[in-house]
């Protein structure tokens, strides 16, 4: 999370809303360990990584839906057997569980 704090501070300083996605669990092989985090501002700019690049695009979409009020905070799962995850490149054979929420501090 430390690696994204500068970007979060910069975005918040100019009034941007920010969503944060954090890896909270993995099953099997996962590209990043629990605790890995990614921040997305309301313009779609990204800092950090939750999957080494393989599902980041889908996570940005989830974050923007949250910031746009089209979904609430909660767990999002990507796994090898999940058609969407496979389509966006999670081929490591595992499942990752992310908690996505709007930053409120």
PDB file of N, CA and C in Angstrom:
ATOM      1  N   UNK A   1       0.833  -1.189   0.000  1.00  0.00           N
ATOM      2  CA  UNK A   1       0.000   0.000   0.000  1.00  0.00           C
ATOM      3  C   UNK A   1       0.876   1.251   0.000  1.00  0.00           C
ATOM      4  N   UNK A   2       2.059   1.178   0.603  1.00  0.00           N
ATOM      5  CA  UNK A   2       2.929   2.356   0.686  1.00  0.00           C
ATOM      6  C   UNK A   2       3.245   2.941  -0.687  1.00  0.00           C
ATOM      7  N   UNK A   3       3.397   2.064  -1.693  1.00  0.00           N
ATOM      8  CA  UNK A   3       3.799   2.548  -3.017  1.00  0.00           C
ATOM      9  C   UNK A   3       2.720   3.362  -3.723  1.00  0.00           C
ATOM     10  N   UNK A   4       1.487   3.333  -3.229  1.00  0.00           N
ATOM     11  CA  UNK A   4       0.420   4.094  -3.876  1.00  0.00           C
ATOM     12  C   UNK A   4       0.025   5.353  -3.101  1.00  0.00           C
ATOM     13  N   UNK A   5       0.597   5.558  -1.932  1.00  0.00           N
ATOM     14  CA  UNK A   5       0.187   6.681  -1.085  1.00  0.00           C
ATOM     15  C   UNK A   5       0.475   8.036  -1.712  1.00  0.00           C
ATOM     16  N   UNK A   6       1.616   8.195  -2.379  1.00  0.00           N
ATOM     17  CA  UNK A   6       1.922   9.477  -3.006  1.00  0.00           C
ATOM     18  C   UNK A   6       0.883   9.841  -4.064  1.00  0.00           C
ATOM     19  N   UNK A   7       0.502   8.850  -4.885  1.00  0.00           N
ATOM     20  CA  UNK A   7      -0.513   9.103  -5.907  1.00  0.00           C
ATOM     21  C   UNK A   7      -1.859   9.434  -5.271  1.00  0.00           C
ATOM     22  N   UNK A   8      -2.232   8.696  -4.234  1.00  0.00           N
ATOM     23  CA  UNK A   8      -3.496   8.969  -3.540  1.00  0.00           C
ATOM     24  C   UNK A   8      -3.485  10.385  -2.975  1.00  0.00           C
ATOM     25  N   UNK A   9      -2.400  10.757  -2.322  1.00  0.00           N
ATOM     26  CA  UNK A   9      -2.308  12.110  -1.758  1.00  0.00           C
ATOM     27  C   UNK A   9      -2.442  13.175  -2.842  1.00  0.00           C
ATOM     28  N   UNK A  10      -1.774  12.959  -3.972  1.00  0.00           N
ATOM     29  CA  UNK A  10      -1.832  13.924  -5.081  1.00  0.00           C
ATOM     30  C   UNK A  10      -3.252  14.030  -5.626  1.00  0.00           C
ATOM     31  N   UNK A  11      -3.909  12.895  -5.828  1.00  0.00           N
ATOM     32  CA  UNK A  11      -5.278  12.905  -6.347  1.00  0.00           C
ATOM     33  C   UNK A  11      -6.238  13.567  -5.372  1.00  0.00           C
ATOM     34  N   UNK A  12      -6.113  13.237  -4.091  1.00  0.00           N
ATOM     35  CA  UNK A  12      -7.012  13.803  -3.084  1.00  0.00           C
ATOM     36  C   UNK A  12      -6.798  15.312  -2.944  1.00  0.00           C
ATOM     37  N   UNK A  13      -5.548  15.758  -3.123  1.00  0.00           N
ATOM     38  CA  UNK A  13      -5.242  17.191  -2.997  1.00  0.00           C
ATOM     39  C   UNK A  13      -5.972  18.028  -4.044  1.00  0.00           C
ATOM     40  N   UNK A  14      -6.322  17.427  -5.179  1.00  0.00           N
ATOM     41  CA  UNK A  14      -7.042  18.162  -6.224  1.00  0.00           C
ATOM     42  C   UNK A  14      -8.524  17.755  -6.286  1.00  0.00           C
ATOM     43  N   UNK A  15      -8.984  17.083  -5.228  1.00  0.00           N
ATOM     44  CA  UNK A  15     -10.406  16.781  -5.121  1.00  0.00           C
ATOM     45  C   UNK A  15     -10.884  15.530  -5.834  1.00  0.00           C
ATOM     46  N   UNK A  16      -9.973  14.677  -6.282  1.00  0.00           N
ATOM     47  CA  UNK A  16     -10.378  13.439  -6.953  1.00  0.00           C
ATOM     48  C   UNK A  16     -10.915  12.427  -5.940  1.00  0.00           C
ATOM     49  N   UNK A  17     -11.959  11.719  -6.309  1.00  0.00           N
ATOM     50  CA  UNK A  17     -12.417  10.571  -5.531  1.00  0.00           C
ATOM     51  C   UNK A  17     -11.553   9.383  -5.913  1.00  0.00           C
ATOM     52  N   UNK A  18     -11.340   8.478  -4.954  1.00  0.00           N
ATOM     53  CA  UNK A  18     -10.417   7.368  -5.152  1.00  0.00           C
ATOM     54  C   UNK A  18     -11.030   6.084  -4.611  1.00  0.00           C
ATOM     55  N   UNK A  19     -10.911   5.012  -5.386  1.00  0.00           N
ATOM     56  CA  UNK A  19     -11.276   3.675  -4.919  1.00  0.00           C
ATOM     57  C   UNK A  19      -9.996   2.878  -4.737  1.00  0.00           C
ATOM     58  N   UNK A  20     -10.013   1.995  -3.745  1.00  0.00           N
ATOM     59  CA  UNK A  20      -8.859   1.143  -3.475  1.00  0.00           C
ATOM     60  C   UNK A  20      -9.316  -0.311  -3.543  1.00  0.00           C
ATOM     61  N   UNK A  21      -8.535  -1.117  -4.254  1.00  0.00           N
ATOM     62  CA  UNK A  21      -8.764  -2.565  -4.318  1.00  0.00           C
ATOM     63  C   UNK A  21      -7.580  -3.239  -3.633  1.00  0.00           C
ATOM     64  N   UNK A  22      -7.878  -4.155  -2.710  1.00  0.00           N
ATOM     65  CA  UNK A  22      -6.816  -4.870  -2.002  1.00  0.00           C
ATOM     66  C   UNK A  22      -7.040  -6.363  -2.119  1.00  0.00           C
ATOM     67  N   UNK A  23      -5.946  -7.094  -2.328  1.00  0.00           N
ATOM     68  CA  UNK A  23      -6.020  -8.546  -2.309  1.00  0.00           C
ATOM     69  C   UNK A  23      -6.228  -8.962  -0.860  1.00  0.00           C
ATOM     70  N   UNK A  24      -7.339  -9.671  -0.605  1.00  0.00           N
ATOM     71  CA  UNK A  24      -7.620 -10.113   0.753  1.00  0.00           C
ATOM     72  C   UNK A  24      -7.432 -11.611   0.922  1.00  0.00           C
ATOM     73  N   UNK A  25      -7.400 -12.358  -0.189  1.00  0.00           N
ATOM     74  CA  UNK A  25      -7.197 -13.803  -0.104  1.00  0.00           C
ATOM     75  C   UNK A  25      -6.832 -14.329  -1.483  1.00  0.00           C
ATOM     76  N   UNK A  26      -6.083 -15.401  -1.509  1.00  0.00           N
ATOM     77  CA  UNK A  26      -5.822 -16.123  -2.753  1.00  0.00           C
ATOM     78  C   UNK A  26      -6.040 -17.604  -2.497  1.00  0.00           C
ATOM     79  N   UNK A  27      -6.459 -18.292  -3.532  1.00  0.00           N
ATOM     80  CA  UNK A  27      -6.601 -19.742  -3.485  1.00  0.00           C
ATOM     81  C   UNK A  27      -5.722 -20.298  -4.584  1.00  0.00           C
ATOM     82  N   UNK A  28      -4.881 -21.241  -4.259  1.00  0.00           N
ATOM     83  CA  UNK A  28      -3.963 -21.777  -5.251  1.00  0.00           C
ATOM     84  C   UNK A  28      -2.881 -20.764  -5.557  1.00  0.00           C
ATOM     85  N   UNK A  29      -2.477 -20.726  -6.803  1.00  0.00           N
ATOM     86  CA  UNK A  29      -1.422 -19.822  -7.242  1.00  0.00           C
ATOM     87  C   UNK A  29      -2.014 -18.470  -7.581  1.00  0.00           C
ATOM     88  N   UNK A  30      -1.433 -17.422  -7.020  1.00  0.00           N
ATOM     89  CA  UNK A  30      -1.892 -16.066  -7.309  1.00  0.00           C
ATOM     90  C   UNK A  30      -0.723 -15.184  -7.673  1.00  0.00           C
ATOM     91  N   UNK A  31      -0.957 -14.179  -8.507  1.00  0.00           N
ATOM     92  CA  UNK A  31       0.137 -13.323  -8.958  1.00  0.00           C
ATOM     93  C   UNK A  31       0.659 -12.372  -7.888  1.00  0.00           C
ATOM     94  N   UNK A  32      -0.167 -11.981  -6.920  1.00  0.00           N
ATOM     95  CA  UNK A  32       0.247 -11.070  -5.842  1.00  0.00           C
ATOM     96  C   UNK A  32      -0.289 -11.609  -4.519  1.00  0.00           C
ATOM     97  N   UNK A  33       0.422 -11.342  -3.452  1.00  0.00           N
ATOM     98  CA  UNK A  33       0.028 -11.815  -2.125  1.00  0.00           C
ATOM     99  C   UNK A  33      -1.058 -10.929  -1.512  1.00  0.00           C
ATOM    100  N   UNK A  34      -1.767 -11.460  -0.515  1.00  0.00           N
ATOM    101  CA  UNK A  34      -2.715 -10.620   0.213  1.00  0.00           C
ATOM    102  C   UNK A  34      -2.020  -9.358   0.729  1.00  0.00           C
ATOM    103  N   UNK A  35      -2.741  -8.261   0.654  1.00  0.00           N
ATOM    104  CA  UNK A  35      -2.194  -6.969   1.044  1.00  0.00           C
ATOM    105  C   UNK A  35      -1.812  -6.115  -0.144  1.00  0.00           C
ATOM    106  N   UNK A  36      -1.586  -6.732  -1.299  1.00  0.00           N
ATOM    107  CA  UNK A  36      -1.276  -5.947  -2.501  1.00  0.00           C
ATOM    108  C   UNK A  36      -2.452  -5.030  -2.783  1.00  0.00           C
ATOM    109  N   UNK A  37      -2.156  -3.802  -3.206  1.00  0.00           N
ATOM    110  CA  UNK A  37      -3.222  -2.819  -3.375  1.00  0.00           C
ATOM    111  C   UNK A  37      -3.067  -2.038  -4.665  1.00  0.00           C
ATOM    112  N   UNK A  38      -4.199  -1.562  -5.154  1.00  0.00           N
ATOM    113  CA  UNK A  38      -4.256  -0.729  -6.344  1.00  0.00           C
ATOM    114  C   UNK A  38      -5.272   0.372  -6.082  1.00  0.00           C
ATOM    115  N   UNK A  39      -4.933   1.591  -6.468  1.00  0.00           N
ATOM    116  CA  UNK A  39      -5.853   2.720  -6.330  1.00  0.00           C
ATOM    117  C   UNK A  39      -6.253   3.196  -7.722  1.00  0.00           C
ATOM    118  N   UNK A  40      -7.498   3.637  -7.838  1.00  0.00           N
ATOM    119  CA  UNK A  40      -8.027   4.146  -9.100  1.00  0.00           C
ATOM    120  C   UNK A  40      -8.766   5.437  -8.782  1.00  0.00           C
ATOM    121  N   UNK A  41      -8.430   6.512  -9.508  1.00  0.00           N
ATOM    122  CA  UNK A  41      -9.180   7.748  -9.272  1.00  0.00           C
ATOM    123  C   UNK A  41     -10.367   7.821 -10.231  1.00  0.00           C
ATOM    124  N   UNK A  42     -11.214   8.822 -10.050  1.00  0.00           N
ATOM    125  CA  UNK A  42     -12.451   8.921 -10.827  1.00  0.00           C
ATOM    126  C   UNK A  42     -12.211   9.139 -12.306  1.00  0.00           C
ATOM    127  N   UNK A  43     -10.989   9.529 -12.690  1.00  0.00           N
ATOM    128  CA  UNK A  43     -10.629   9.703 -14.100  1.00  0.00           C
ATOM    129  C   UNK A  43     -10.078   8.425 -14.712  1.00  0.00           C
ATOM    130  N   UNK A  44      -9.920   7.370 -13.896  1.00  0.00           N
ATOM    131  CA  UNK A  44      -9.399   6.098 -14.391  1.00  0.00           C
ATOM    132  C   UNK A  44      -7.897   5.955 -14.301  1.00  0.00           C
ATOM    133  N   UNK A  45      -7.214   6.912 -13.654  1.00  0.00           N
ATOM    134  CA  UNK A  45      -5.772   6.771 -13.445  1.00  0.00           C
ATOM    135  C   UNK A  45      -5.536   5.713 -12.373  1.00  0.00           C
ATOM    136  N   UNK A  46      -4.438   4.965 -12.513  1.00  0.00           N
ATOM    137  CA  UNK A  46      -4.174   3.810 -11.661  1.00  0.00           C
ATOM    138  C   UNK A  46      -2.805   3.935 -11.002  1.00  0.00           C
ATOM    139  N   UNK A  47      -2.737   3.485  -9.758  1.00  0.00           N
ATOM    140  CA  UNK A  47      -1.475   3.344  -9.044  1.00  0.00           C
ATOM    141  C   UNK A  47      -1.474   1.982  -8.373  1.00  0.00           C
ATOM    142  N   UNK A  48      -0.360   1.278  -8.419  1.00  0.00           N
ATOM    143  CA  UNK A  48      -0.247  -0.023  -7.782  1.00  0.00           C
ATOM    144  C   UNK A  48      -0.735  -1.156  -8.668  1.00  0.00           C
ATOM    145  N   UNK A  49      -0.747  -2.350  -8.071  1.00  0.00           N
ATOM    146  CA  UNK A  49      -1.127  -3.547  -8.814  1.00  0.00           C
ATOM    147  C   UNK A  49      -1.676  -4.600  -7.867  1.00  0.00           C
ATOM    148  N   UNK A  50      -2.699  -5.313  -8.315  1.00  0.00           N
ATOM    149  CA  UNK A  50      -3.242  -6.418  -7.524  1.00  0.00           C
ATOM    150  C   UNK A  50      -3.024  -7.770  -8.194  1.00  0.00           C
ATOM    151  N   UNK A  51      -2.521  -7.738  -9.433  1.00  0.00           N
ATOM    152  CA  UNK A  51      -2.372  -9.025 -10.127  1.00  0.00           C
ATOM    153  C   UNK A  51      -1.197  -9.069 -11.087  1.00  0.00           C
ATOM    154  N   UNK A  52      -0.295  -8.144 -10.996  1.00  0.00           N
ATOM    155  CA  UNK A  52       0.830  -8.157 -11.922  1.00  0.00           C
ATOM    156  C   UNK A  52       0.405  -7.854 -13.343  1.00  0.00           C
ATOM    157  N   UNK A  53      -0.768  -7.278 -13.522  1.00  0.00           N
ATOM    158  CA  UNK A  53      -1.226  -6.859 -14.835  1.00  0.00           C
ATOM    159  C   UNK A  53      -2.303  -7.712 -15.461  1.00  0.00           C
ATOM    160  N   UNK A  54      -2.554  -8.904 -14.933  1.00  0.00           N
ATOM    161  CA  UNK A  54      -3.461  -9.801 -15.652  1.00  0.00           C
ATOM    162  C   UNK A  54      -4.943  -9.481 -15.487  1.00  0.00           C
ATOM    163  N   UNK A  55      -5.379  -8.843 -14.420  1.00  0.00           N
ATOM    164  CA  UNK A  55      -6.798  -8.478 -14.303  1.00  0.00           C
ATOM    165  C   UNK A  55      -6.995  -6.999 -13.985  1.00  0.00           C
ATOM    166  N   UNK A  56      -5.944  -6.214 -14.082  1.00  0.00           N
ATOM    167  CA  UNK A  56      -6.039  -4.809 -13.715  1.00  0.00           C
ATOM    168  C   UNK A  56      -7.147  -4.068 -14.462  1.00  0.00           C
ATOM    169  N   UNK A  57      -7.303  -4.313 -15.739  1.00  0.00           N
ATOM    170  CA  UNK A  57      -8.341  -3.632 -16.513  1.00  0.00           C
ATOM    171  C   UNK A  57      -9.727  -3.885 -15.947  1.00  0.00           C
ATOM    172  N   UNK A  58     -10.005  -5.114 -15.571  1.00  0.00           N
ATOM    173  CA  UNK A  58     -11.306  -5.442 -14.989  1.00  0.00           C
ATOM    174  C   UNK A  58     -11.472  -4.799 -13.620  1.00  0.00           C
ATOM    175  N   UNK A  59     -10.388  -4.710 -12.857  1.00  0.00           N
ATOM    176  CA  UNK A  59     -10.449  -4.087 -11.538  1.00  0.00           C
ATOM    177  C   UNK A  59     -10.708  -2.583 -11.681  1.00  0.00           C
ATOM    178  N   UNK A  60     -10.104  -1.949 -12.675  1.00  0.00           N
ATOM    179  CA  UNK A  60     -10.379  -0.534 -12.934  1.00  0.00           C
ATOM    180  C   UNK A  60     -11.868  -0.354 -13.214  1.00  0.00           C
ATOM    181  N   UNK A  61     -12.437  -1.239 -14.010  1.00  0.00           N
ATOM    182  CA  UNK A  61     -13.869  -1.168 -14.299  1.00  0.00           C
ATOM    183  C   UNK A  61     -14.705  -1.288 -13.038  1.00  0.00           C
ATOM    184  N   UNK A  62     -14.349  -2.214 -12.145  1.00  0.00           N
ATOM    185  CA  UNK A  62     -15.067  -2.366 -10.880  1.00  0.00           C
ATOM    186  C   UNK A  62     -14.951  -1.097 -10.039  1.00  0.00           C
ATOM    187  N   UNK A  63     -13.743  -0.522  -9.984  1.00  0.00           N
ATOM    188  CA  UNK A  63     -13.522   0.693  -9.195  1.00  0.00           C
ATOM    189  C   UNK A  63     -14.331   1.864  -9.744  1.00  0.00           C
ATOM    190  N   UNK A  64     -14.359   2.010 -11.058  1.00  0.00           N
ATOM    191  CA  UNK A  64     -15.110   3.107 -11.659  1.00  0.00           C
ATOM    192  C   UNK A  64     -16.617   2.930 -11.460  1.00  0.00           C
ATOM    193  N   UNK A  65     -17.093   1.682 -11.485  1.00  0.00           N
ATOM    194  CA  UNK A  65     -18.508   1.436 -11.191  1.00  0.00           C
ATOM    195  C   UNK A  65     -18.825   1.834  -9.754  1.00  0.00           C
ATOM    196  N   UNK A  66     -17.929   1.519  -8.841  1.00  0.00           N
ATOM    197  CA  UNK A  66     -18.113   1.901  -7.447  1.00  0.00           C
ATOM    198  C   UNK A  66     -18.155   3.418  -7.306  1.00  0.00           C
ATOM    199  N   UNK A  67     -17.190   4.112  -7.903  1.00  0.00           N
ATOM    200  CA  UNK A  67     -17.146   5.574  -7.812  1.00  0.00           C
ATOM    201  C   UNK A  67     -18.330   6.223  -8.513  1.00  0.00           C
ATOM    202  N   UNK A  68     -18.889   5.543  -9.512  1.00  0.00           N
ATOM    203  CA  UNK A  68     -20.043   6.057 -10.225  1.00  0.00           C
ATOM    204  C   UNK A  68     -21.373   5.701  -9.578  1.00  0.00           C
ATOM    205  N   UNK A  69     -21.331   4.994  -8.450  1.00  0.00           N
ATOM    206  CA  UNK A  69     -22.545   4.638  -7.733  1.00  0.00           C
ATOM    207  C   UNK A  69     -23.302   3.456  -8.306  1.00  0.00           C
ATOM    208  N   UNK A  70     -22.682   2.708  -9.213  1.00  0.00           N
ATOM    209  CA  UNK A  70     -23.361   1.574  -9.842  1.00  0.00           C
ATOM    210  C   UNK A  70     -23.112   0.253  -9.114  1.00  0.00           C
ATOM    211  N   UNK A  71     -22.313   0.286  -8.076  1.00  0.00           N
ATOM    212  CA  UNK A  71     -22.094  -0.878  -7.216  1.00  0.00           C
ATOM    213  C   UNK A  71     -21.606  -0.377  -5.878  1.00  0.00           C
ATOM    214  N   UNK A  72     -21.737  -1.207  -4.876  1.00  0.00           N
ATOM    215  CA  UNK A  72     -21.260  -0.845  -3.551  1.00  0.00           C
ATOM    216  C   UNK A  72     -19.909  -1.481  -3.278  1.00  0.00           C
ATOM    217  N   UNK A  73     -19.331  -1.165  -2.126  1.00  0.00           N
ATOM    218  CA  UNK A  73     -18.063  -1.784  -1.754  1.00  0.00           C
ATOM    219  C   UNK A  73     -18.270  -3.268  -1.495  1.00  0.00           C
ATOM    220  N   UNK A  74     -17.224  -4.051  -1.679  1.00  0.00           N
ATOM    221  CA  UNK A  74     -17.329  -5.467  -1.382  1.00  0.00           C
ATOM    222  C   UNK A  74     -16.263  -6.289  -2.070  1.00  0.00           C
ATOM    223  N   UNK A  75     -16.437  -7.586  -1.940  1.00  0.00           N
ATOM    224  CA  UNK A  75     -15.484  -8.558  -2.476  1.00  0.00           C
ATOM    225  C   UNK A  75     -15.772  -8.819  -3.948  1.00  0.00           C
ATOM    226  N   UNK A  76     -14.701  -8.803  -4.736  1.00  0.00           N
ATOM    227  CA  UNK A  76     -14.755  -9.189  -6.150  1.00  0.00           C
ATOM    228  C   UNK A  76     -13.764 -10.327  -6.326  1.00  0.00           C
ATOM    229  N   UNK A  77     -14.161 -11.363  -7.038  1.00  0.00           N
ATOM    230  CA  UNK A  77     -13.327 -12.553  -7.195  1.00  0.00           C
ATOM    231  C   UNK A  77     -13.003 -12.792  -8.655  1.00  0.00           C
ATOM    232  N   UNK A  78     -11.743 -13.122  -8.909  1.00  0.00           N
ATOM    233  CA  UNK A  78     -11.299 -13.532 -10.232  1.00  0.00           C
ATOM    234  C   UNK A  78     -10.577 -14.857 -10.077  1.00  0.00           C
ATOM    235  N   UNK A  79     -10.949 -15.827 -10.904  1.00  0.00           N
ATOM    236  CA  UNK A  79     -10.308 -17.131 -10.816  1.00  0.00           C
ATOM    237  C   UNK A  79     -10.194 -17.788 -12.168  1.00  0.00           C
ATOM    238  N   UNK A  80      -9.404 -18.813 -12.213  1.00  0.00           N
ATOM    239  CA  UNK A  80      -9.140 -19.517 -13.454  1.00  0.00           C
ATOM    240  C   UNK A  80     -10.414 -20.046 -14.085  1.00  0.00           C
ATOM    241  N   UNK A  81     -11.362 -20.495 -13.257  1.00  0.00           N
ATOM    242  CA  UNK A  81     -12.599 -21.041 -13.810  1.00  0.00           C
ATOM    243  C   UNK A  81     -13.615 -19.961 -14.155  1.00  0.00           C
ATOM    244  N   UNK A  82     -13.337 -18.740 -13.781  1.00  0.00           N
ATOM    245  CA  UNK A  82     -14.235 -17.620 -14.062  1.00  0.00           C
ATOM    246  C   UNK A  82     -13.986 -17.141 -15.489  1.00  0.00           C
ATOM    247  N   UNK A  83     -14.996 -17.205 -16.353  1.00  0.00           N
ATOM    248  CA  UNK A  83     -14.824 -16.847 -17.762  1.00  0.00           C
ATOM    249  C   UNK A  83     -14.271 -15.440 -17.933  1.00  0.00           C
ATOM    250  N   UNK A  84     -14.773 -14.496 -17.137  1.00  0.00           N
ATOM    251  CA  UNK A  84     -14.293 -13.119 -17.250  1.00  0.00           C
ATOM    252  C   UNK A  84     -12.824 -13.026 -16.870  1.00  0.00           C
ATOM    253  N   UNK A  85     -12.437 -13.688 -15.778  1.00  0.00           N
ATOM    254  CA  UNK A  85     -11.039 -13.636 -15.352  1.00  0.00           C
ATOM    255  C   UNK A  85     -10.139 -14.251 -16.415  1.00  0.00           C
ATOM    256  N   UNK A  86     -10.561 -15.372 -16.996  1.00  0.00           N
ATOM    257  CA  UNK A  86      -9.761 -15.989 -18.042  1.00  0.00           C
ATOM    258  C   UNK A  86      -9.642 -15.053 -19.236  1.00  0.00           C
ATOM    259  N   UNK A  87     -10.729 -14.391 -19.560  1.00  0.00           N
ATOM    260  CA  UNK A  87     -10.728 -13.473 -20.704  1.00  0.00           C
ATOM    261  C   UNK A  87      -9.777 -12.308 -20.492  1.00  0.00           C
ATOM    262  N   UNK A  88      -9.620 -11.857 -19.232  1.00  0.00           N
ATOM    263  CA  UNK A  88      -8.720 -10.740 -18.977  1.00  0.00           C
ATOM    264  C   UNK A  88      -7.323 -11.199 -18.622  1.00  0.00           C
ATOM    265  N   UNK A  89      -7.074 -12.519 -18.596  1.00  0.00           N
ATOM    266  CA  UNK A  89      -5.710 -12.997 -18.496  1.00  0.00           C
ATOM    267  C   UNK A  89      -5.270 -13.651 -17.212  1.00  0.00           C
ATOM    268  N   UNK A  90      -6.165 -13.976 -16.269  1.00  0.00           N
ATOM    269  CA  UNK A  90      -5.747 -14.644 -15.044  1.00  0.00           C
ATOM    270  C   UNK A  90      -5.610 -16.130 -15.331  1.00  0.00           C
ATOM    271  N   UNK A  91      -4.465 -16.507 -15.834  1.00  0.00           N
ATOM    272  CA  UNK A  91      -4.241 -17.900 -16.230  1.00  0.00           C
ATOM    273  C   UNK A  91      -3.286 -18.604 -15.283  1.00  0.00           C
ATOM    274  N   UNK A  92      -3.042 -18.041 -14.111  1.00  0.00           N
ATOM    275  CA  UNK A  92      -2.090 -18.625 -13.171  1.00  0.00           C
ATOM    276  C   UNK A  92      -2.658 -19.856 -12.478  1.00  0.00           C
ATOM    277  N   UNK A  93      -3.932 -20.131 -12.665  1.00  0.00           N
ATOM    278  CA  UNK A  93      -4.522 -21.327 -12.085  1.00  0.00           C
ATOM    279  C   UNK A  93      -5.146 -21.100 -10.724  1.00  0.00           C
ATOM    280  N   UNK A  94      -5.026 -19.916 -10.156  1.00  0.00           N
ATOM    281  CA  UNK A  94      -5.572 -19.646  -8.839  1.00  0.00           C
ATOM    282  C   UNK A  94      -6.776 -18.741  -8.895  1.00  0.00           C
ATOM    283  N   UNK A  95      -7.206 -18.344  -7.716  1.00  0.00           N
ATOM    284  CA  UNK A  95      -8.321 -17.417  -7.558  1.00  0.00           C
ATOM    285  C   UNK A  95      -7.871 -16.307  -6.630  1.00  0.00           C
ATOM    286  N   UNK A  96      -8.174 -15.063  -6.992  1.00  0.00           N
ATOM    287  CA  UNK A  96      -7.859 -13.945  -6.111  1.00  0.00           C
ATOM    288  C   UNK A  96      -9.159 -13.266  -5.681  1.00  0.00           C
ATOM    289  N   UNK A  97      -9.187 -12.877  -4.419  1.00  0.00           N
ATOM    290  CA  UNK A  97     -10.338 -12.180  -3.851  1.00  0.00           C
ATOM    291  C   UNK A  97      -9.878 -10.773  -3.488  1.00  0.00           C
ATOM    292  N   UNK A  98     -10.579  -9.781  -4.014  1.00  0.00           N
ATOM    293  CA  UNK A  98     -10.234  -8.385  -3.787  1.00  0.00           C
ATOM    294  C   UNK A  98     -11.366  -7.703  -3.032  1.00  0.00           C
ATOM    295  N   UNK A  99     -11.005  -6.818  -2.099  1.00  0.00           N
ATOM    296  CA  UNK A  99     -11.997  -5.960  -1.484  1.00  0.00           C
ATOM    297  C   UNK A  99     -11.844  -4.600  -2.127  1.00  0.00           C
ATOM    298  N   UNK A 100     -12.933  -4.102  -2.715  1.00  0.00           N
ATOM    299  CA  UNK A 100     -12.917  -2.805  -3.419  1.00  0.00           C
ATOM    300  C   UNK A 100     -13.821  -1.849  -2.655  1.00  0.00           C
ATOM    301  N   UNK A 101     -13.256  -0.679  -2.294  1.00  0.00           N
ATOM    302  CA  UNK A 101     -14.012   0.324  -1.561  1.00  0.00           C
ATOM    303  C   UNK A 101     -13.524   1.713  -1.927  1.00  0.00           C
ATOM    304  N   UNK A 102     -14.390   2.702  -1.672  1.00  0.00           N
ATOM    305  CA  UNK A 102     -13.975   4.081  -1.870  1.00  0.00           C
ATOM    306  C   UNK A 102     -13.161   4.525  -0.667  1.00  0.00           C
ATOM    307  N   UNK A 103     -12.072   5.224  -0.948  1.00  0.00           N
ATOM    308  CA  UNK A 103     -11.245   5.763   0.114  1.00  0.00           C
ATOM    309  C   UNK A 103     -11.985   6.916   0.772  1.00  0.00           C
ATOM    310  N   UNK A 104     -12.064   6.907   2.083  1.00  0.00           N
ATOM    311  CA  UNK A 104     -12.843   7.944   2.768  1.00  0.00           C
ATOM    312  C   UNK A 104     -12.050   8.668   3.858  1.00  0.00           C
ATOM    313  N   UNK A 105     -10.755   8.750   3.716  1.00  0.00           N
ATOM    314  CA  UNK A 105      -9.955   9.527   4.679  1.00  0.00           C
ATOM    315  C   UNK A 105      -9.226  10.633   4.005  1.00  0.00           C
TER     316      UNK A 105
END
